[in-house]
Amino acid sequence: MTKLTNAQRKAIYKRDGYMCALCGSGRYLQIHHYIHRGQGGSNSPHNLITLCSDCHALAHGLNLHDFPDMTQEYVEQCILEYLADYYAPDWDPWE
């Protein structure tokens, strides 16, 4: 499991317009692995997405601000759709 490089991180931020791909916030940006590295997910752009700290927490099941109707499953589905649409028809997060 290799660590994400700064160049990879910057490329994903740039691809996503330097904002959270889910809510559009430009604050407290982080990179999220759709398929976690521990589960075999890669550092490929097909598996990475820019999220703000709140959306990133939601992606990991932590609703820090008690957002109504925001579940981990909903956020995961949004991430899946974003990445699949962006890289269609060749999306492969294990790449």
C-alpha atoms as a PDB file:
ATOM      1  CA  MET A   1       0.000   0.000   0.000  1.00  0.00           C
ATOM      2  CA  THR A   2       1.699   3.175  -1.154  1.00  0.00           C
ATOM      3  CA  LYS A   3       0.999   6.568   0.280  1.00  0.00           C
ATOM      4  CA  LEU A   4      -0.755   9.140  -1.884  1.00  0.00           C
ATOM      5  CA  THR A   5       1.818  11.578  -3.255  1.00  0.00           C
ATOM      6  CA  ASN A   6       1.422  15.344  -3.223  1.00  0.00           C
ATOM      7  CA  ALA A   7       1.311  15.313  -7.031  1.00  0.00           C
ATOM      8  CA  GLN A   8      -1.561  12.795  -6.998  1.00  0.00           C
ATOM      9  CA  ARG A   9      -3.409  14.813  -4.352  1.00  0.00           C
ATOM     10  CA  LYS A  10      -3.005  18.059  -6.313  1.00  0.00           C
ATOM     11  CA  ALA A  11      -4.195  16.383  -9.525  1.00  0.00           C
ATOM     12  CA  ILE A  12      -7.419  15.252  -7.832  1.00  0.00           C
ATOM     13  CA  TYR A  13      -8.007  18.698  -6.301  1.00  0.00           C
ATOM     14  CA  LYS A  14      -7.531  20.229  -9.755  1.00  0.00           C
ATOM     15  CA  ARG A  15      -9.806  17.665 -11.451  1.00  0.00           C
ATOM     16  CA  ASP A  16     -12.556  18.441  -8.932  1.00  0.00           C
ATOM     17  CA  GLY A  17     -12.182  22.206  -9.298  1.00  0.00           C
ATOM     18  CA  TYR A  18     -10.649  22.721  -5.847  1.00  0.00           C
ATOM     19  CA  MET A  19     -14.009  22.079  -4.188  1.00  0.00           C
ATOM     20  CA  CYS A  20     -15.891  19.265  -2.529  1.00  0.00           C
ATOM     21  CA  ALA A  21     -17.344  17.074  -5.262  1.00  0.00           C
ATOM     22  CA  LEU A  22     -20.499  16.556  -3.182  1.00  0.00           C
ATOM     23  CA  CYS A  23     -21.425  19.894  -1.622  1.00  0.00           C
ATOM     24  CA  GLY A  24     -19.236  22.400  -3.483  1.00  0.00           C
ATOM     25  CA  SER A  25     -17.437  23.722  -0.410  1.00  0.00           C
ATOM     26  CA  GLY A  26     -13.880  24.921  -0.884  1.00  0.00           C
ATOM     27  CA  ARG A  27     -12.977  24.657   2.803  1.00  0.00           C
ATOM     28  CA  TYR A  28     -11.039  21.926   4.612  1.00  0.00           C
ATOM     29  CA  LEU A  29     -10.563  19.772   1.518  1.00  0.00           C
ATOM     30  CA  GLN A  30      -9.377  16.189   1.820  1.00  0.00           C
ATOM     31  CA  ILE A  31      -8.901  13.245  -0.535  1.00  0.00           C
ATOM     32  CA  HIS A  32     -11.142  10.213  -0.023  1.00  0.00           C
ATOM     33  CA  HIS A  33     -10.561   6.708  -1.376  1.00  0.00           C
ATOM     34  CA  TYR A  34     -13.884   5.310  -2.613  1.00  0.00           C
ATOM     35  CA  ILE A  35     -12.586   1.793  -2.085  1.00  0.00           C
ATOM     36  CA  HIS A  36     -10.417   2.014   0.999  1.00  0.00           C
ATOM     37  CA  ARG A  37      -6.783   1.104   0.601  1.00  0.00           C
ATOM     38  CA  GLY A  38      -7.158  -1.604   3.239  1.00  0.00           C
ATOM     39  CA  GLN A  39      -9.794  -3.215   1.023  1.00  0.00           C
ATOM     40  CA  GLY A  40      -7.561  -3.189  -2.054  1.00  0.00           C
ATOM     41  CA  GLY A  41      -8.441   0.270  -3.366  1.00  0.00           C
ATOM     42  CA  SER A  42      -5.770   2.040  -5.365  1.00  0.00           C
ATOM     43  CA  ASN A  43      -4.426   5.570  -5.575  1.00  0.00           C
ATOM     44  CA  SER A  44      -5.783   5.768  -9.121  1.00  0.00           C
ATOM     45  CA  PRO A  45      -7.837   8.881  -9.924  1.00  0.00           C
ATOM     46  CA  HIS A  46     -10.698   6.436 -10.595  1.00  0.00           C
ATOM     47  CA  ASN A  47     -10.759   5.715  -6.845  1.00  0.00           C
ATOM     48  CA  LEU A  48     -10.134   9.221  -5.456  1.00  0.00           C
ATOM     49  CA  ILE A  49     -12.465  12.136  -4.822  1.00  0.00           C
ATOM     50  CA  THR A  50     -12.138  15.570  -3.213  1.00  0.00           C
ATOM     51  CA  LEU A  51     -14.370  15.984  -0.154  1.00  0.00           C
ATOM     52  CA  CYS A  52     -14.660  18.680   2.486  1.00  0.00           C
ATOM     53  CA  SER A  53     -14.064  17.499   6.042  1.00  0.00           C
ATOM     54  CA  ASP A  54     -17.823  17.275   6.742  1.00  0.00           C
ATOM     55  CA  CYS A  55     -18.587  15.147   3.661  1.00  0.00           C
ATOM     56  CA  HIS A  56     -15.469  13.063   4.333  1.00  0.00           C
ATOM     57  CA  ALA A  57     -16.689  12.367   7.860  1.00  0.00           C
ATOM     58  CA  LEU A  58     -20.100  11.399   6.461  1.00  0.00           C
ATOM     59  CA  ALA A  59     -18.388   9.044   3.993  1.00  0.00           C
ATOM     60  CA  HIS A  60     -16.903   7.293   7.023  1.00  0.00           C
ATOM     61  CA  GLY A  61     -20.206   7.194   8.910  1.00  0.00           C
ATOM     62  CA  LEU A  62     -19.713  10.230  11.162  1.00  0.00           C
ATOM     63  CA  ASN A  63     -22.485  12.812  10.987  1.00  0.00           C
ATOM     64  CA  LEU A  64     -20.660  15.534  12.936  1.00  0.00           C
ATOM     65  CA  HIS A  65     -23.293  18.233  12.414  1.00  0.00           C
ATOM     66  CA  ASP A  66     -26.381  16.036  12.558  1.00  0.00           C
ATOM     67  CA  PHE A  67     -27.247  16.753   8.938  1.00  0.00           C
ATOM     68  CA  PRO A  68     -30.789  15.505   8.321  1.00  0.00           C
ATOM     69  CA  ASP A  69     -31.169  12.766   5.695  1.00  0.00           C
ATOM     70  CA  MET A  70     -27.398  12.393   5.273  1.00  0.00           C
ATOM     71  CA  THR A  71     -26.371   8.803   5.774  1.00  0.00           C
ATOM     72  CA  GLN A  72     -23.145   7.021   4.991  1.00  0.00           C
ATOM     73  CA  GLU A  73     -24.993   4.982   2.364  1.00  0.00           C
ATOM     74  CA  TYR A  74     -26.314   8.131   0.661  1.00  0.00           C
ATOM     75  CA  VAL A  75     -22.857   9.739   0.558  1.00  0.00           C
ATOM     76  CA  GLU A  76     -21.271   6.537  -0.755  1.00  0.00           C
ATOM     77  CA  GLN A  77     -23.879   6.412  -3.529  1.00  0.00           C
ATOM     78  CA  CYS A  78     -23.143  10.041  -4.458  1.00  0.00           C
ATOM     79  CA  ILE A  79     -19.408   9.306  -4.589  1.00  0.00           C
ATOM     80  CA  LEU A  80     -20.017   6.212  -6.713  1.00  0.00           C
ATOM     81  CA  GLU A  81     -22.150   8.181  -9.178  1.00  0.00           C
ATOM     82  CA  TYR A  82     -19.656  11.059  -9.386  1.00  0.00           C
ATOM     83  CA  LEU A  83     -16.690   8.816 -10.155  1.00  0.00           C
ATOM     84  CA  ALA A  84     -18.592   6.466 -12.460  1.00  0.00           C
ATOM     85  CA  ASP A  85     -20.025   9.393 -14.451  1.00  0.00           C
ATOM     86  CA  TYR A  86     -16.666  11.176 -14.623  1.00  0.00           C
ATOM     87  CA  TYR A  87     -14.802   8.168 -15.971  1.00  0.00           C
ATOM     88  CA  ALA A  88     -17.590   6.412 -17.910  1.00  0.00           C
ATOM     89  CA  PRO A  89     -17.477   4.001 -19.598  1.00  0.00           C
ATOM     90  CA  ASP A  90     -14.065   2.872 -18.276  1.00  0.00           C
ATOM     91  CA  TRP A  91     -14.470   3.371 -14.528  1.00  0.00           C
ATOM     92  CA  ASP A  92     -12.341   0.960 -12.504  1.00  0.00           C
ATOM     93  CA  PRO A  93     -11.518   1.972  -8.904  1.00  0.00           C
ATOM     94  CA  TRP A  94      -9.197  -1.044  -8.521  1.00  0.00           C
ATOM     95  CA  GLU A  95      -7.029   0.123 -11.429  1.00  0.00           C
END
